[in-house]
Amino acid sequence: MHTESYWEKFKSARIKRGLTQAQLAEKLGYSPSTIGMYEQGRRIPNCYTFLEICKVLGITTQDVFADNKGFNVDQVLKYIIDSLKREKNVRLNGIVLGEQEKNNISYVLKLILNKK
């Protein structure tokens, strides 16, 4: 059985809301091609954009990351690890994290993911 990826869930939610890529892009302040790349999995939105897309589409992060067997924490942790690598201004409790702090958090999350 195929489990939809987050970008397929974005596309499904957009279509359910009757929005074109251009309309969604306008609401978010992005280009339609950026939305297209998100929906094809060719580009990954940063955490802020990810949450904004969910808000505009009327879905939650749990809707996006849930599969038929329930909430998939592995996907969320992997997304956070990727975001920590990519994003420059990652904040924790309102404070911008330094590279070492981001590396430490990534390390702990990787340990959790690799725990059997």
PDB file of N, CA and C in Angstrom:
ATOM      1  N   MET A   1       0.831  -1.181   0.000  1.00  0.00           N
ATOM      2  CA  MET A   1       0.000   0.000   0.000  1.00  0.00           C
ATOM      3  C   MET A   1       0.876   1.246   0.000  1.00  0.00           C
ATOM      4  N   HIS A   2       0.529   2.202  -0.851  1.00  0.00           N
ATOM      5  CA  HIS A   2       1.291   3.442  -0.984  1.00  0.00           C
ATOM      6  C   HIS A   2       0.874   4.437   0.089  1.00  0.00           C
ATOM      7  N   THR A   3       1.848   4.976   0.803  1.00  0.00           N
ATOM      8  CA  THR A   3       1.593   6.048   1.760  1.00  0.00           C
ATOM      9  C   THR A   3       2.001   7.351   1.100  1.00  0.00           C
ATOM     10  N   GLU A   4       1.100   8.314   1.097  1.00  0.00           N
ATOM     11  CA  GLU A   4       1.387   9.601   0.458  1.00  0.00           C
ATOM     12  C   GLU A   4       2.544  10.312   1.152  1.00  0.00           C
ATOM     13  N   SER A   5       3.421  10.899   0.361  1.00  0.00           N
ATOM     14  CA  SER A   5       4.494  11.724   0.909  1.00  0.00           C
ATOM     15  C   SER A   5       3.886  13.067   1.322  1.00  0.00           C
ATOM     16  N   TYR A   6       4.666  13.852   2.058  1.00  0.00           N
ATOM     17  CA  TYR A   6       4.122  15.136   2.506  1.00  0.00           C
ATOM     18  C   TYR A   6       3.773  16.015   1.320  1.00  0.00           C
ATOM     19  N   TRP A   7       4.566  15.956   0.233  1.00  0.00           N
ATOM     20  CA  TRP A   7       4.265  16.834  -0.903  1.00  0.00           C
ATOM     21  C   TRP A   7       3.010  16.382  -1.626  1.00  0.00           C
ATOM     22  N   GLU A   8       2.750  15.083  -1.637  1.00  0.00           N
ATOM     23  CA  GLU A   8       1.496  14.605  -2.228  1.00  0.00           C
ATOM     24  C   GLU A   8       0.311  15.034  -1.375  1.00  0.00           C
ATOM     25  N   LYS A   9       0.507  15.066  -0.052  1.00  0.00           N
ATOM     26  CA  LYS A   9      -0.557  15.516   0.849  1.00  0.00           C
ATOM     27  C   LYS A   9      -0.824  17.005   0.670  1.00  0.00           C
ATOM     28  N   PHE A  10       0.248  17.792   0.448  1.00  0.00           N
ATOM     29  CA  PHE A  10       0.049  19.211   0.160  1.00  0.00           C
ATOM     30  C   PHE A  10      -0.793  19.381  -1.102  1.00  0.00           C
ATOM     31  N   LYS A  11      -0.437  18.650  -2.137  1.00  0.00           N
ATOM     32  CA  LYS A  11      -1.155  18.773  -3.408  1.00  0.00           C
ATOM     33  C   LYS A  11      -2.616  18.363  -3.242  1.00  0.00           C
ATOM     34  N   SER A  12      -2.861  17.237  -2.567  1.00  0.00           N
ATOM     35  CA  SER A  12      -4.235  16.773  -2.339  1.00  0.00           C
ATOM     36  C   SER A  12      -5.046  17.813  -1.573  1.00  0.00           C
ATOM     37  N   ALA A  13      -4.439  18.385  -0.529  1.00  0.00           N
ATOM     38  CA  ALA A  13      -5.136  19.395   0.275  1.00  0.00           C
ATOM     39  C   ALA A  13      -5.414  20.648  -0.544  1.00  0.00           C
ATOM     40  N   ARG A  14      -4.457  21.037  -1.382  1.00  0.00           N
ATOM     41  CA  ARG A  14      -4.652  22.220  -2.232  1.00  0.00           C
ATOM     42  C   ARG A  14      -5.816  22.010  -3.186  1.00  0.00           C
ATOM     43  N   ILE A  15      -5.855  20.832  -3.804  1.00  0.00           N
ATOM     44  CA  ILE A  15      -6.922  20.516  -4.758  1.00  0.00           C
ATOM     45  C   ILE A  15      -8.268  20.461  -4.037  1.00  0.00           C
ATOM     46  N   LYS A  16      -8.306  19.850  -2.844  1.00  0.00           N
ATOM     47  CA  LYS A  16      -9.555  19.787  -2.062  1.00  0.00           C
ATOM     48  C   LYS A  16     -10.081  21.182  -1.738  1.00  0.00           C
ATOM     49  N   ARG A  17      -9.172  22.120  -1.509  1.00  0.00           N
ATOM     50  CA  ARG A  17      -9.587  23.495  -1.203  1.00  0.00           C
ATOM     51  C   ARG A  17      -9.906  24.296  -2.454  1.00  0.00           C
ATOM     52  N   GLY A  18      -9.732  23.666  -3.621  1.00  0.00           N
ATOM     53  CA  GLY A  18     -10.072  24.325  -4.875  1.00  0.00           C
ATOM     54  C   GLY A  18      -9.082  25.402  -5.285  1.00  0.00           C
ATOM     55  N   LEU A  19      -7.840  25.262  -4.843  1.00  0.00           N
ATOM     56  CA  LEU A  19      -6.822  26.259  -5.172  1.00  0.00           C
ATOM     57  C   LEU A  19      -5.896  25.754  -6.278  1.00  0.00           C
ATOM     58  N   THR A  20      -5.500  26.658  -7.148  1.00  0.00           N
ATOM     59  CA  THR A  20      -4.461  26.338  -8.120  1.00  0.00           C
ATOM     60  C   THR A  20      -3.112  26.572  -7.442  1.00  0.00           C
ATOM     61  N   GLN A  21      -2.051  26.109  -8.083  1.00  0.00           N
ATOM     62  CA  GLN A  21      -0.715  26.396  -7.548  1.00  0.00           C
ATOM     63  C   GLN A  21      -0.482  27.900  -7.490  1.00  0.00           C
ATOM     64  N   ALA A  22      -0.946  28.607  -8.501  1.00  0.00           N
ATOM     65  CA  ALA A  22      -0.770  30.063  -8.550  1.00  0.00           C
ATOM     66  C   ALA A  22      -1.509  30.747  -7.395  1.00  0.00           C
ATOM     67  N   GLN A  23      -2.724  30.292  -7.094  1.00  0.00           N
ATOM     68  CA  GLN A  23      -3.487  30.891  -5.996  1.00  0.00           C
ATOM     69  C   GLN A  23      -2.831  30.626  -4.646  1.00  0.00           C
ATOM     70  N   LEU A  24      -2.356  29.398  -4.459  1.00  0.00           N
ATOM     71  CA  LEU A  24      -1.661  29.072  -3.212  1.00  0.00           C
ATOM     72  C   LEU A  24      -0.375  29.897  -3.103  1.00  0.00           C
ATOM     73  N   ALA A  25       0.345  29.991  -4.197  1.00  0.00           N
ATOM     74  CA  ALA A  25       1.584  30.768  -4.215  1.00  0.00           C
ATOM     75  C   ALA A  25       1.310  32.228  -3.832  1.00  0.00           C
ATOM     76  N   GLU A  26       0.237  32.794  -4.372  1.00  0.00           N
ATOM     77  CA  GLU A  26      -0.114  34.179  -4.068  1.00  0.00           C
ATOM     78  C   GLU A  26      -0.412  34.357  -2.584  1.00  0.00           C
ATOM     79  N   LYS A  27      -1.149  33.426  -2.000  1.00  0.00           N
ATOM     80  CA  LYS A  27      -1.483  33.509  -0.572  1.00  0.00           C
ATOM     81  C   LYS A  27      -0.230  33.432   0.299  1.00  0.00           C
ATOM     82  N   LEU A  28       0.775  32.699  -0.176  1.00  0.00           N
ATOM     83  CA  LEU A  28       2.001  32.507   0.596  1.00  0.00           C
ATOM     84  C   LEU A  28       3.097  33.519   0.252  1.00  0.00           C
ATOM     85  N   GLY A  29       2.928  34.218  -0.872  1.00  0.00           N
ATOM     86  CA  GLY A  29       3.953  35.159  -1.309  1.00  0.00           C
ATOM     87  C   GLY A  29       5.123  34.479  -2.009  1.00  0.00           C
ATOM     88  N   TYR A  30       4.851  33.365  -2.678  1.00  0.00           N
ATOM     89  CA  TYR A  30       5.873  32.631  -3.423  1.00  0.00           C
ATOM     90  C   TYR A  30       5.466  32.540  -4.880  1.00  0.00           C
ATOM     91  N   SER A  31       6.369  32.047  -5.691  1.00  0.00           N
ATOM     92  CA  SER A  31       6.043  31.869  -7.106  1.00  0.00           C
ATOM     93  C   SER A  31       5.338  30.520  -7.295  1.00  0.00           C
ATOM     94  N   PRO A  32       4.497  30.411  -8.330  1.00  0.00           N
ATOM     95  CA  PRO A  32       3.847  29.127  -8.615  1.00  0.00           C
ATOM     96  C   PRO A  32       4.860  28.010  -8.856  1.00  0.00           C
ATOM     97  N   SER A  33       6.012  28.342  -9.431  1.00  0.00           N
ATOM     98  CA  SER A  33       7.015  27.299  -9.683  1.00  0.00           C
ATOM     99  C   SER A  33       7.575  26.750  -8.371  1.00  0.00           C
ATOM    100  N   THR A  34       7.662  27.587  -7.348  1.00  0.00           N
ATOM    101  CA  THR A  34       8.120  27.108  -6.036  1.00  0.00           C
ATOM    102  C   THR A  34       7.124  26.109  -5.471  1.00  0.00           C
ATOM    103  N   ILE A  35       5.844  26.427  -5.575  1.00  0.00           N
ATOM    104  CA  ILE A  35       4.811  25.503  -5.100  1.00  0.00           C
ATOM    105  C   ILE A  35       4.890  24.203  -5.892  1.00  0.00           C
ATOM    106  N   GLY A  36       5.074  24.306  -7.190  1.00  0.00           N
ATOM    107  CA  GLY A  36       5.208  23.118  -8.032  1.00  0.00           C
ATOM    108  C   GLY A  36       6.373  22.248  -7.595  1.00  0.00           C
ATOM    109  N   MET A  37       7.497  22.879  -7.275  1.00  0.00           N
ATOM    110  CA  MET A  37       8.664  22.115  -6.820  1.00  0.00           C
ATOM    111  C   MET A  37       8.392  21.437  -5.482  1.00  0.00           C
ATOM    112  N   TYR A  38       7.663  22.132  -4.575  1.00  0.00           N
ATOM    113  CA  TYR A  38       7.292  21.506  -3.300  1.00  0.00           C
ATOM    114  C   TYR A  38       6.420  20.276  -3.556  1.00  0.00           C
ATOM    115  N   GLU A  39       5.448  20.416  -4.447  1.00  0.00           N
ATOM    116  CA  GLU A  39       4.505  19.330  -4.717  1.00  0.00           C
ATOM    117  C   GLU A  39       5.147  18.154  -5.448  1.00  0.00           C
ATOM    118  N   GLN A  40       6.262  18.395  -6.101  1.00  0.00           N
ATOM    119  CA  GLN A  40       6.981  17.318  -6.792  1.00  0.00           C
ATOM    120  C   GLN A  40       8.080  16.728  -5.923  1.00  0.00           C
ATOM    121  N   GLY A  41       8.293  17.298  -4.746  1.00  0.00           N
ATOM    122  CA  GLY A  41       9.351  16.830  -3.866  1.00  0.00           C
ATOM    123  C   GLY A  41      10.735  17.223  -4.327  1.00  0.00           C
ATOM    124  N   ARG A  42      10.814  18.181  -5.257  1.00  0.00           N
ATOM    125  CA  ARG A  42      12.106  18.639  -5.783  1.00  0.00           C
ATOM    126  C   ARG A  42      12.720  19.723  -4.914  1.00  0.00           C
ATOM    127  N   ARG A  43      11.918  20.270  -4.030  1.00  0.00           N
ATOM    128  CA  ARG A  43      12.381  21.307  -3.117  1.00  0.00           C
ATOM    129  C   ARG A  43      11.654  21.106  -1.802  1.00  0.00           C
ATOM    130  N   ILE A  44      12.357  21.324  -0.692  1.00  0.00           N
ATOM    131  CA  ILE A  44      11.761  21.129   0.629  1.00  0.00           C
ATOM    132  C   ILE A  44      11.557  22.500   1.273  1.00  0.00           C
ATOM    133  N   PRO A  45      10.331  22.787   1.702  1.00  0.00           N
ATOM    134  CA  PRO A  45      10.102  24.083   2.348  1.00  0.00           C
ATOM    135  C   PRO A  45      10.792  24.133   3.710  1.00  0.00           C
ATOM    136  N   ASN A  46      11.228  25.327   4.107  1.00  0.00           N
ATOM    137  CA  ASN A  46      11.764  25.450   5.460  1.00  0.00           C
ATOM    138  C   ASN A  46      10.623  25.299   6.458  1.00  0.00           C
ATOM    139  N   CYS A  47      10.965  25.221   7.737  1.00  0.00           N
ATOM    140  CA  CYS A  47       9.942  24.966   8.769  1.00  0.00           C
ATOM    141  C   CYS A  47       8.845  26.030   8.761  1.00  0.00           C
ATOM    142  N   TYR A  48       9.237  27.296   8.648  1.00  0.00           N
ATOM    143  CA  TYR A  48       8.254  28.375   8.646  1.00  0.00           C
ATOM    144  C   TYR A  48       7.303  28.220   7.459  1.00  0.00           C
ATOM    145  N   THR A  49       7.847  27.999   6.277  1.00  0.00           N
ATOM    146  CA  THR A  49       7.024  27.847   5.073  1.00  0.00           C
ATOM    147  C   THR A  49       6.134  26.615   5.186  1.00  0.00           C
ATOM    148  N   PHE A  50       6.694  25.535   5.706  1.00  0.00           N
ATOM    149  CA  PHE A  50       5.929  24.300   5.893  1.00  0.00           C
ATOM    150  C   PHE A  50       4.687  24.571   6.743  1.00  0.00           C
ATOM    151  N   LEU A  51       4.877  25.273   7.857  1.00  0.00           N
ATOM    152  CA  LEU A  51       3.748  25.587   8.745  1.00  0.00           C
ATOM    153  C   LEU A  51       2.759  26.545   8.086  1.00  0.00           C
ATOM    154  N   GLU A  52       3.263  27.499   7.310  1.00  0.00           N
ATOM    155  CA  GLU A  52       2.389  28.431   6.605  1.00  0.00           C
ATOM    156  C   GLU A  52       1.543  27.700   5.560  1.00  0.00           C
ATOM    157  N   ILE A  53       2.158  26.764   4.846  1.00  0.00           N
ATOM    158  CA  ILE A  53       1.409  25.974   3.854  1.00  0.00           C
ATOM    159  C   ILE A  53       0.297  25.202   4.559  1.00  0.00           C
ATOM    160  N   CYS A  54       0.633  24.572   5.678  1.00  0.00           N
ATOM    161  CA  CYS A  54      -0.380  23.831   6.436  1.00  0.00           C
ATOM    162  C   CYS A  54      -1.521  24.750   6.857  1.00  0.00           C
ATOM    163  N   LYS A  55      -1.174  25.934   7.344  1.00  0.00           N
ATOM    164  CA  LYS A  55      -2.185  26.892   7.808  1.00  0.00           C
ATOM    165  C   LYS A  55      -3.118  27.293   6.671  1.00  0.00           C
ATOM    166  N   VAL A  56      -2.544  27.669   5.529  1.00  0.00           N
ATOM    167  CA  VAL A  56      -3.356  28.104   4.387  1.00  0.00           C
ATOM    168  C   VAL A  56      -4.232  26.963   3.867  1.00  0.00           C
ATOM    169  N   LEU A  57      -3.698  25.737   3.893  1.00  0.00           N
ATOM    170  CA  LEU A  57      -4.462  24.595   3.382  1.00  0.00           C
ATOM    171  C   LEU A  57      -5.423  24.008   4.412  1.00  0.00           C
ATOM    172  N   GLY A  58      -5.370  24.516   5.638  1.00  0.00           N
ATOM    173  CA  GLY A  58      -6.285  24.044   6.674  1.00  0.00           C
ATOM    174  C   GLY A  58      -5.975  22.625   7.138  1.00  0.00           C
ATOM    175  N   ILE A  59      -4.675  22.281   7.169  1.00  0.00           N
ATOM    176  CA  ILE A  59      -4.264  20.960   7.634  1.00  0.00           C
ATOM    177  C   ILE A  59      -3.236  21.138   8.749  1.00  0.00           C
ATOM    178  N   THR A  60      -3.024  20.077   9.505  1.00  0.00           N
ATOM    179  CA  THR A  60      -2.035  20.118  10.578  1.00  0.00           C
ATOM    180  C   THR A  60      -0.790  19.347  10.166  1.00  0.00           C
ATOM    181  N   THR A  61       0.278  19.547  10.920  1.00  0.00           N
ATOM    182  CA  THR A  61       1.490  18.770  10.648  1.00  0.00           C
ATOM    183  C   THR A  61       1.227  17.290  10.862  1.00  0.00           C
ATOM    184  N   GLN A  62       0.354  16.964  11.793  1.00  0.00           N
ATOM    185  CA  GLN A  62       0.013  15.555  11.999  1.00  0.00           C
ATOM    186  C   GLN A  62      -0.707  14.998  10.773  1.00  0.00           C
ATOM    187  N   ASP A  63      -1.575  15.802  10.145  1.00  0.00           N
ATOM    188  CA  ASP A  63      -2.225  15.364   8.904  1.00  0.00           C
ATOM    189  C   ASP A  63      -1.177  15.042   7.847  1.00  0.00           C
ATOM    190  N   VAL A  64      -0.140  15.855   7.797  1.00  0.00           N
ATOM    191  CA  VAL A  64       0.887  15.701   6.768  1.00  0.00           C
ATOM    192  C   VAL A  64       1.766  14.483   7.036  1.00  0.00           C
ATOM    193  N   PHE A  65       2.167  14.308   8.291  1.00  0.00           N
ATOM    194  CA  PHE A  65       3.111  13.242   8.598  1.00  0.00           C
ATOM    195  C   PHE A  65       2.458  11.934   9.028  1.00  0.00           C
ATOM    196  N   ALA A  66       1.157  11.936   9.211  1.00  0.00           N
ATOM    197  CA  ALA A  66       0.486  10.705   9.625  1.00  0.00           C
ATOM    198  C   ALA A  66       0.375   9.755   8.442  1.00  0.00           C
ATOM    199  N   ASP A  67       0.535   8.490   8.722  1.00  0.00           N
ATOM    200  CA  ASP A  67       0.280   7.485   7.695  1.00  0.00           C
ATOM    201  C   ASP A  67      -0.899   6.638   8.178  1.00  0.00           C
ATOM    202  N   ASN A  68      -1.197   5.606   7.488  1.00  0.00           N
ATOM    203  CA  ASN A  68      -2.348   4.785   7.841  1.00  0.00           C
ATOM    204  C   ASN A  68      -2.192   4.088   9.190  1.00  0.00           C
ATOM    205  N   LYS A  69      -0.974   3.978   9.671  1.00  0.00           N
ATOM    206  CA  LYS A  69      -0.726   3.294  10.938  1.00  0.00           C
ATOM    207  C   LYS A  69      -0.586   4.273  12.093  1.00  0.00           C
ATOM    208  N   GLY A  70      -0.764   5.541  11.857  1.00  0.00           N
ATOM    209  CA  GLY A  70      -0.653   6.530  12.913  1.00  0.00           C
ATOM    210  C   GLY A  70       0.444   7.526  12.626  1.00  0.00           C
ATOM    211  N   PHE A  71       0.736   8.313  13.598  1.00  0.00           N
ATOM    212  CA  PHE A  71       1.711   9.391  13.481  1.00  0.00           C
ATOM    213  C   PHE A  71       3.113   8.807  13.340  1.00  0.00           C
ATOM    214  N   ASN A  72       3.852   9.254  12.363  1.00  0.00           N
ATOM    215  CA  ASN A  72       5.177   8.727  12.076  1.00  0.00           C
ATOM    216  C   ASN A  72       6.239   9.684  12.610  1.00  0.00           C
ATOM    217  N   VAL A  73       6.703   9.423  13.810  1.00  0.00           N
ATOM    218  CA  VAL A  73       7.681  10.279  14.460  1.00  0.00           C
ATOM    219  C   VAL A  73       9.001  10.281  13.694  1.00  0.00           C
ATOM    220  N   ASP A  74       9.373   9.146  13.098  1.00  0.00           N
ATOM    221  CA  ASP A  74      10.619   9.074  12.335  1.00  0.00           C
ATOM    222  C   ASP A  74      10.676  10.154  11.268  1.00  0.00           C
ATOM    223  N   GLN A  75       9.581  10.331  10.525  1.00  0.00           N
ATOM    224  CA  GLN A  75       9.549  11.343   9.466  1.00  0.00           C
ATOM    225  C   GLN A  75       9.734  12.738  10.042  1.00  0.00           C
ATOM    226  N   VAL A  76       9.103  13.003  11.159  1.00  0.00           N
ATOM    227  CA  VAL A  76       9.203  14.324  11.777  1.00  0.00           C
ATOM    228  C   VAL A  76      10.637  14.591  12.235  1.00  0.00           C
ATOM    229  N   LEU A  77      11.256  13.601  12.877  1.00  0.00           N
ATOM    230  CA  LEU A  77      12.630  13.773  13.347  1.00  0.00           C
ATOM    231  C   LEU A  77      13.590  13.970  12.184  1.00  0.00           C
ATOM    232  N   LYS A  78      13.403  13.219  11.101  1.00  0.00           N
ATOM    233  CA  LYS A  78      14.252  13.383   9.921  1.00  0.00           C
ATOM    234  C   LYS A  78      14.070  14.776   9.320  1.00  0.00           C
ATOM    235  N   TYR A  79      12.833  15.256   9.291  1.00  0.00           N
ATOM    236  CA  TYR A  79      12.561  16.598   8.780  1.00  0.00           C
ATOM    237  C   TYR A  79      13.263  17.648   9.642  1.00  0.00           C
ATOM    238  N   ILE A  80      13.224  17.479  10.957  1.00  0.00           N
ATOM    239  CA  ILE A  80      13.880  18.430  11.857  1.00  0.00           C
ATOM    240  C   ILE A  80      15.387  18.408  11.641  1.00  0.00           C
ATOM    241  N   ILE A  81      15.958  17.217  11.516  1.00  0.00           N
ATOM    242  CA  ILE A  81      17.402  17.105  11.276  1.00  0.00           C
ATOM    243  C   ILE A  81      17.785  17.821   9.983  1.00  0.00           C
ATOM    244  N   ASP A  82      17.019  17.573   8.916  1.00  0.00           N
ATOM    245  CA  ASP A  82      17.291  18.242   7.644  1.00  0.00           C
ATOM    246  C   ASP A  82      17.173  19.759   7.776  1.00  0.00           C
ATOM    247  N   SER A  83      16.165  20.207   8.511  1.00  0.00           N
ATOM    248  CA  SER A  83      15.967  21.650   8.698  1.00  0.00           C
ATOM    249  C   SER A  83      17.107  22.270   9.492  1.00  0.00           C
ATOM    250  N   LEU A  84      17.613  21.552  10.488  1.00  0.00           N
ATOM    251  CA  LEU A  84      18.730  22.071  11.277  1.00  0.00           C
ATOM    252  C   LEU A  84      19.976  22.262  10.413  1.00  0.00           C
ATOM    253  N   LYS A  85      20.158  21.397   9.429  1.00  0.00           N
ATOM    254  CA  LYS A  85      21.299  21.515   8.524  1.00  0.00           C
ATOM    255  C   LYS A  85      21.122  22.698   7.572  1.00  0.00           C
ATOM    256  N   ARG A  86      19.889  22.893   7.096  1.00  0.00           N
ATOM    257  CA  ARG A  86      19.593  23.846   6.038  1.00  0.00           C
ATOM    258  C   ARG A  86      19.393  25.279   6.531  1.00  0.00           C
ATOM    259  N   GLU A  87      18.710  25.426   7.612  1.00  0.00           N
ATOM    260  CA  GLU A  87      18.282  26.752   8.063  1.00  0.00           C
ATOM    261  C   GLU A  87      19.375  27.484   8.830  1.00  0.00           C
ATOM    262  N   LYS A  88      19.461  28.786   8.605  1.00  0.00           N
ATOM    263  CA  LYS A  88      20.474  29.592   9.286  1.00  0.00           C
ATOM    264  C   LYS A  88      19.979  30.109  10.627  1.00  0.00           C
ATOM    265  N   ASN A  89      18.747  30.549  10.694  1.00  0.00           N
ATOM    266  CA  ASN A  89      18.220  31.152  11.919  1.00  0.00           C
ATOM    267  C   ASN A  89      17.227  30.226  12.597  1.00  0.00           C
ATOM    268  N   VAL A  90      17.742  29.164  13.191  1.00  0.00           N
ATOM    269  CA  VAL A  90      16.904  28.227  13.940  1.00  0.00           C
ATOM    270  C   VAL A  90      16.810  28.744  15.368  1.00  0.00           C
ATOM    271  N   ARG A  91      15.577  28.857  15.846  1.00  0.00           N
ATOM    272  CA  ARG A  91      15.358  29.392  17.194  1.00  0.00           C
ATOM    273  C   ARG A  91      14.808  28.320  18.116  1.00  0.00           C
ATOM    274  N   LEU A  92      15.268  28.362  19.344  1.00  0.00           N
ATOM    275  CA  LEU A  92      14.738  27.517  20.404  1.00  0.00           C
ATOM    276  C   LEU A  92      14.412  28.443  21.562  1.00  0.00           C
ATOM    277  N   ASN A  93      13.159  28.475  21.951  1.00  0.00           N
ATOM    278  CA  ASN A  93      12.700  29.401  22.992  1.00  0.00           C
ATOM    279  C   ASN A  93      13.070  30.845  22.666  1.00  0.00           C
ATOM    280  N   GLY A  94      12.994  31.186  21.367  1.00  0.00           N
ATOM    281  CA  GLY A  94      13.235  32.553  20.926  1.00  0.00           C
ATOM    282  C   GLY A  94      14.698  32.921  20.730  1.00  0.00           C
ATOM    283  N   ILE A  95      15.605  31.990  21.028  1.00  0.00           N
ATOM    284  CA  ILE A  95      17.034  32.274  20.913  1.00  0.00           C
ATOM    285  C   ILE A  95      17.595  31.541  19.693  1.00  0.00           C
ATOM    286  N   VAL A  96      18.343  32.272  18.857  1.00  0.00           N
ATOM    287  CA  VAL A  96      18.951  31.674  17.667  1.00  0.00           C
ATOM    288  C   VAL A  96      20.046  30.707  18.107  1.00  0.00           C
ATOM    289  N   LEU A  97      19.969  29.484  17.580  1.00  0.00           N
ATOM    290  CA  LEU A  97      20.953  28.462  17.918  1.00  0.00           C
ATOM    291  C   LEU A  97      22.210  28.616  17.077  1.00  0.00           C
ATOM    292  N   GLY A  98      23.349  28.361  17.688  1.00  0.00           N
ATOM    293  CA  GLY A  98      24.617  28.336  16.971  1.00  0.00           C
ATOM    294  C   GLY A  98      24.789  26.994  16.277  1.00  0.00           C
ATOM    295  N   GLU A  99      25.810  26.906  15.444  1.00  0.00           N
ATOM    296  CA  GLU A  99      26.065  25.666  14.694  1.00  0.00           C
ATOM    297  C   GLU A  99      26.296  24.484  15.631  1.00  0.00           C
ATOM    298  N   GLN A 100      27.065  24.695  16.700  1.00  0.00           N
ATOM    299  CA  GLN A 100      27.346  23.591  17.624  1.00  0.00           C
ATOM    300  C   GLN A 100      26.058  23.106  18.295  1.00  0.00           C
ATOM    301  N   GLU A 101      25.196  24.027  18.666  1.00  0.00           N
ATOM    302  CA  GLU A 101      23.927  23.643  19.294  1.00  0.00           C
ATOM    303  C   GLU A 101      23.044  22.874  18.310  1.00  0.00           C
ATOM    304  N   LYS A 102      22.993  23.337  17.072  1.00  0.00           N
ATOM    305  CA  LYS A 102      22.216  22.617  16.053  1.00  0.00           C
ATOM    306  C   LYS A 102      22.804  21.229  15.820  1.00  0.00           C
ATOM    307  N   ASN A 103      24.139  21.129  15.783  1.00  0.00           N
ATOM    308  CA  ASN A 103      24.783  19.829  15.615  1.00  0.00           C
ATOM    309  C   ASN A 103      24.485  18.901  16.786  1.00  0.00           C
ATOM    310  N   ASN A 104      24.478  19.444  18.000  1.00  0.00           N
ATOM    311  CA  ASN A 104      24.171  18.636  19.179  1.00  0.00           C
ATOM    312  C   ASN A 104      22.744  18.094  19.128  1.00  0.00           C
ATOM    313  N   ILE A 105      21.806  18.940  18.749  1.00  0.00           N
ATOM    314  CA  ILE A 105      20.403  18.504  18.645  1.00  0.00           C
ATOM    315  C   ILE A 105      20.271  17.442  17.564  1.00  0.00           C
ATOM    316  N   SER A 106      20.911  17.658  16.415  1.00  0.00           N
ATOM    317  CA  SER A 106      20.873  16.669  15.329  1.00  0.00           C
ATOM    318  C   SER A 106      21.433  15.338  15.790  1.00  0.00           C
ATOM    319  N   TYR A 107      22.536  15.391  16.523  1.00  0.00           N
ATOM    320  CA  TYR A 107      23.182  14.177  17.017  1.00  0.00           C
ATOM    321  C   TYR A 107      22.221  13.383  17.906  1.00  0.00           C
ATOM    322  N   VAL A 108      21.575  14.067  18.830  1.00  0.00           N
ATOM    323  CA  VAL A 108      20.634  13.391  19.747  1.00  0.00           C
ATOM    324  C   VAL A 108      19.461  12.801  18.968  1.00  0.00           C
ATOM    325  N   LEU A 109      18.937  13.554  18.021  1.00  0.00           N
ATOM    326  CA  LEU A 109      17.809  13.042  17.220  1.00  0.00           C
ATOM    327  C   LEU A 109      18.227  11.830  16.410  1.00  0.00           C
ATOM    328  N   LYS A 110      19.436  11.840  15.870  1.00  0.00           N
ATOM    329  CA  LYS A 110      19.946  10.675  15.122  1.00  0.00           C
ATOM    330  C   LYS A 110      20.089   9.461  16.037  1.00  0.00           C
ATOM    331  N   LEU A 111      20.526   9.684  17.267  1.00  0.00           N
ATOM    332  CA  LEU A 111      20.607   8.585  18.224  1.00  0.00           C
ATOM    333  C   LEU A 111      19.230   7.985  18.486  1.00  0.00           C
ATOM    334  N   ILE A 112      18.240   8.845  18.623  1.00  0.00           N
ATOM    335  CA  ILE A 112      16.867   8.373  18.856  1.00  0.00           C
ATOM    336  C   ILE A 112      16.391   7.569  17.652  1.00  0.00           C
ATOM    337  N   LEU A 113      16.656   8.056  16.440  1.00  0.00           N
ATOM    338  CA  LEU A 113      16.222   7.360  15.225  1.00  0.00           C
ATOM    339  C   LEU A 113      16.898   6.007  15.067  1.00  0.00           C
ATOM    340  N   ASN A 114      18.160   5.903  15.477  1.00  0.00           N
ATOM    341  CA  ASN A 114      18.911   4.678  15.293  1.00  0.00           C
ATOM    342  C   ASN A 114      18.738   3.669  16.413  1.00  0.00           C
ATOM    343  N   LYS A 115      18.031   4.082  17.468  1.00  0.00           N
ATOM    344  CA  LYS A 115      17.782   3.181  18.601  1.00  0.00           C
ATOM    345  C   LYS A 115      16.850   2.069  18.152  1.00  0.00           C
ATOM    346  N   LYS A 116      17.211   0.876  18.423  1.00  0.00           N
ATOM    347  CA  LYS A 116      16.387  -0.282  18.017  1.00  0.00           C
ATOM    348  C   LYS A 116      15.614  -0.812  19.191  1.00  0.00           C
TER     349      LYS A 116
END
